[in-house]
Amino acid sequence: MCTIYKFNMKHQNIIYLNGTSFIHNNITNNYLSKLNKSSKLLYYINKE
């Protein structure tokens, strides 16, 4: 099982996926939800 670690850096959300980092900018919660169902990923979203 993979784990996505999400960190808030200023106004951009950086998501680390198994050592890979990308900007969580245009990725919606809906996409993450589908990703979670298909890849058995574990993630959490800060609603701040």
N, C-alpha and C. Protein backbone atom coordinates (compact mmCIF):
# COMPACT_ATOMS: atom_id res chain seq x y z
N MET A 1 0.84 -1.20 0.00
CA MET A 1 0.00 0.00 0.00
C MET A 1 0.87 1.25 0.00
N CYS A 2 0.51 2.17 -0.85
CA CYS A 2 1.25 3.42 -0.95
C CYS A 2 0.61 4.47 -0.05
N THR A 3 1.40 5.45 0.32
CA THR A 3 0.88 6.54 1.13
C THR A 3 1.24 7.87 0.51
N ILE A 4 0.24 8.75 0.38
CA ILE A 4 0.49 10.10 -0.11
C ILE A 4 0.60 11.03 1.10
N TYR A 5 1.74 11.71 1.18
CA TYR A 5 1.91 12.69 2.24
C TYR A 5 1.69 14.08 1.66
N LYS A 6 0.74 14.80 2.24
CA LYS A 6 0.41 16.12 1.72
C LYS A 6 0.85 17.19 2.70
N PHE A 7 1.56 18.19 2.20
CA PHE A 7 2.03 19.28 3.03
C PHE A 7 1.60 20.62 2.44
N ASN A 8 1.22 21.54 3.31
CA ASN A 8 0.85 22.87 2.86
C ASN A 8 2.08 23.76 2.83
N MET A 9 2.46 24.24 1.67
CA MET A 9 3.59 25.14 1.54
C MET A 9 3.08 26.42 0.92
N LYS A 10 2.88 27.44 1.74
CA LYS A 10 2.30 28.70 1.30
C LYS A 10 0.92 28.44 0.71
N HIS A 11 0.71 28.73 -0.55
CA HIS A 11 -0.62 28.54 -1.15
C HIS A 11 -0.63 27.35 -2.10
N GLN A 12 0.46 26.59 -2.13
CA GLN A 12 0.50 25.42 -3.00
C GLN A 12 0.59 24.16 -2.16
N ASN A 13 -0.12 23.14 -2.56
CA ASN A 13 -0.09 21.87 -1.85
C ASN A 13 0.86 20.92 -2.55
N ILE A 14 1.89 20.49 -1.83
CA ILE A 14 2.84 19.55 -2.40
C ILE A 14 2.47 18.15 -1.94
N ILE A 15 2.31 17.25 -2.86
CA ILE A 15 2.00 15.87 -2.51
C ILE A 15 3.21 14.99 -2.82
N TYR A 16 3.63 14.23 -1.81
CA TYR A 16 4.73 13.30 -2.01
C TYR A 16 4.17 11.89 -2.17
N LEU A 17 4.42 11.28 -3.30
CA LEU A 17 3.92 9.93 -3.57
C LEU A 17 5.13 9.01 -3.78
N ASN A 18 5.45 8.24 -2.75
CA ASN A 18 6.58 7.31 -2.82
C ASN A 18 7.86 8.00 -3.28
N GLY A 19 8.15 9.17 -2.71
CA GLY A 19 9.39 9.86 -3.03
C GLY A 19 9.25 10.82 -4.18
N THR A 20 8.15 10.72 -4.93
CA THR A 20 7.93 11.63 -6.05
C THR A 20 7.07 12.80 -5.59
N SER A 21 7.45 14.01 -5.99
CA SER A 21 6.68 15.18 -5.58
C SER A 21 6.07 15.87 -6.79
N PHE A 22 4.85 16.36 -6.62
CA PHE A 22 4.22 17.13 -7.68
C PHE A 22 3.28 18.15 -7.06
N ILE A 23 2.96 19.18 -7.80
CA ILE A 23 2.11 20.25 -7.29
C ILE A 23 0.65 19.82 -7.32
N HIS A 24 0.01 19.87 -6.15
CA HIS A 24 -1.42 19.58 -6.08
C HIS A 24 -2.17 20.89 -6.33
N ASN A 25 -2.24 21.25 -7.59
CA ASN A 25 -2.83 22.52 -7.97
C ASN A 25 -4.10 22.30 -8.77
N ASN A 26 -3.99 21.57 -9.86
CA ASN A 26 -5.14 21.32 -10.72
C ASN A 26 -5.74 19.94 -10.48
N ILE A 27 -5.28 19.29 -9.42
CA ILE A 27 -5.80 17.96 -9.10
C ILE A 27 -6.94 18.10 -8.11
N THR A 28 -8.11 17.65 -8.50
CA THR A 28 -9.29 17.82 -7.64
C THR A 28 -9.42 16.65 -6.67
N ASN A 29 -10.23 16.85 -5.63
CA ASN A 29 -10.49 15.77 -4.68
C ASN A 29 -11.16 14.59 -5.36
N ASN A 30 -11.94 14.87 -6.40
CA ASN A 30 -12.60 13.81 -7.15
C ASN A 30 -11.58 12.90 -7.83
N TYR A 31 -10.55 13.52 -8.41
CA TYR A 31 -9.49 12.74 -9.05
C TYR A 31 -8.76 11.89 -8.02
N LEU A 32 -8.46 12.50 -6.86
CA LEU A 32 -7.78 11.76 -5.80
C LEU A 32 -8.64 10.61 -5.30
N SER A 33 -9.95 10.83 -5.28
CA SER A 33 -10.86 9.78 -4.83
C SER A 33 -10.83 8.59 -5.79
N LYS A 34 -10.84 8.88 -7.10
CA LYS A 34 -10.76 7.81 -8.09
C LYS A 34 -9.40 7.12 -8.01
N LEU A 35 -8.36 7.91 -7.78
CA LEU A 35 -7.01 7.36 -7.67
C LEU A 35 -6.92 6.43 -6.47
N ASN A 36 -7.58 6.84 -5.39
CA ASN A 36 -7.58 6.04 -4.18
C ASN A 36 -8.26 4.69 -4.38
N LYS A 37 -9.38 4.71 -5.10
CA LYS A 37 -10.13 3.48 -5.33
C LYS A 37 -9.37 2.52 -6.25
N SER A 38 -8.66 3.07 -7.22
CA SER A 38 -8.00 2.22 -8.20
C SER A 38 -6.63 1.74 -7.72
N SER A 39 -5.95 2.55 -6.94
CA SER A 39 -4.58 2.22 -6.56
C SER A 39 -4.43 1.87 -5.08
N LYS A 40 -5.56 1.84 -4.35
CA LYS A 40 -5.52 1.55 -2.93
C LYS A 40 -4.58 2.51 -2.20
N LEU A 41 -4.67 3.79 -2.57
CA LEU A 41 -3.79 4.79 -1.97
C LEU A 41 -4.39 5.35 -0.70
N LEU A 42 -3.51 5.75 0.20
CA LEU A 42 -3.94 6.37 1.45
C LEU A 42 -3.57 7.84 1.40
N TYR A 43 -4.54 8.71 1.63
CA TYR A 43 -4.25 10.14 1.56
C TYR A 43 -5.15 10.92 2.50
N TYR A 44 -4.74 12.12 2.81
CA TYR A 44 -5.59 12.99 3.60
C TYR A 44 -5.50 14.40 3.05
N ILE A 45 -6.60 15.13 3.11
CA ILE A 45 -6.67 16.47 2.56
C ILE A 45 -6.94 17.46 3.68
N ASN A 46 -6.11 18.50 3.74
CA ASN A 46 -6.34 19.56 4.71
C ASN A 46 -7.39 20.52 4.19
N LYS A 47 -8.46 20.70 4.94
CA LYS A 47 -9.52 21.60 4.53
C LYS A 47 -9.35 22.95 5.23
N GLU A 48 -8.25 23.63 4.94
CA GLU A 48 -7.98 24.92 5.58
C GLU A 48 -8.22 26.06 4.62
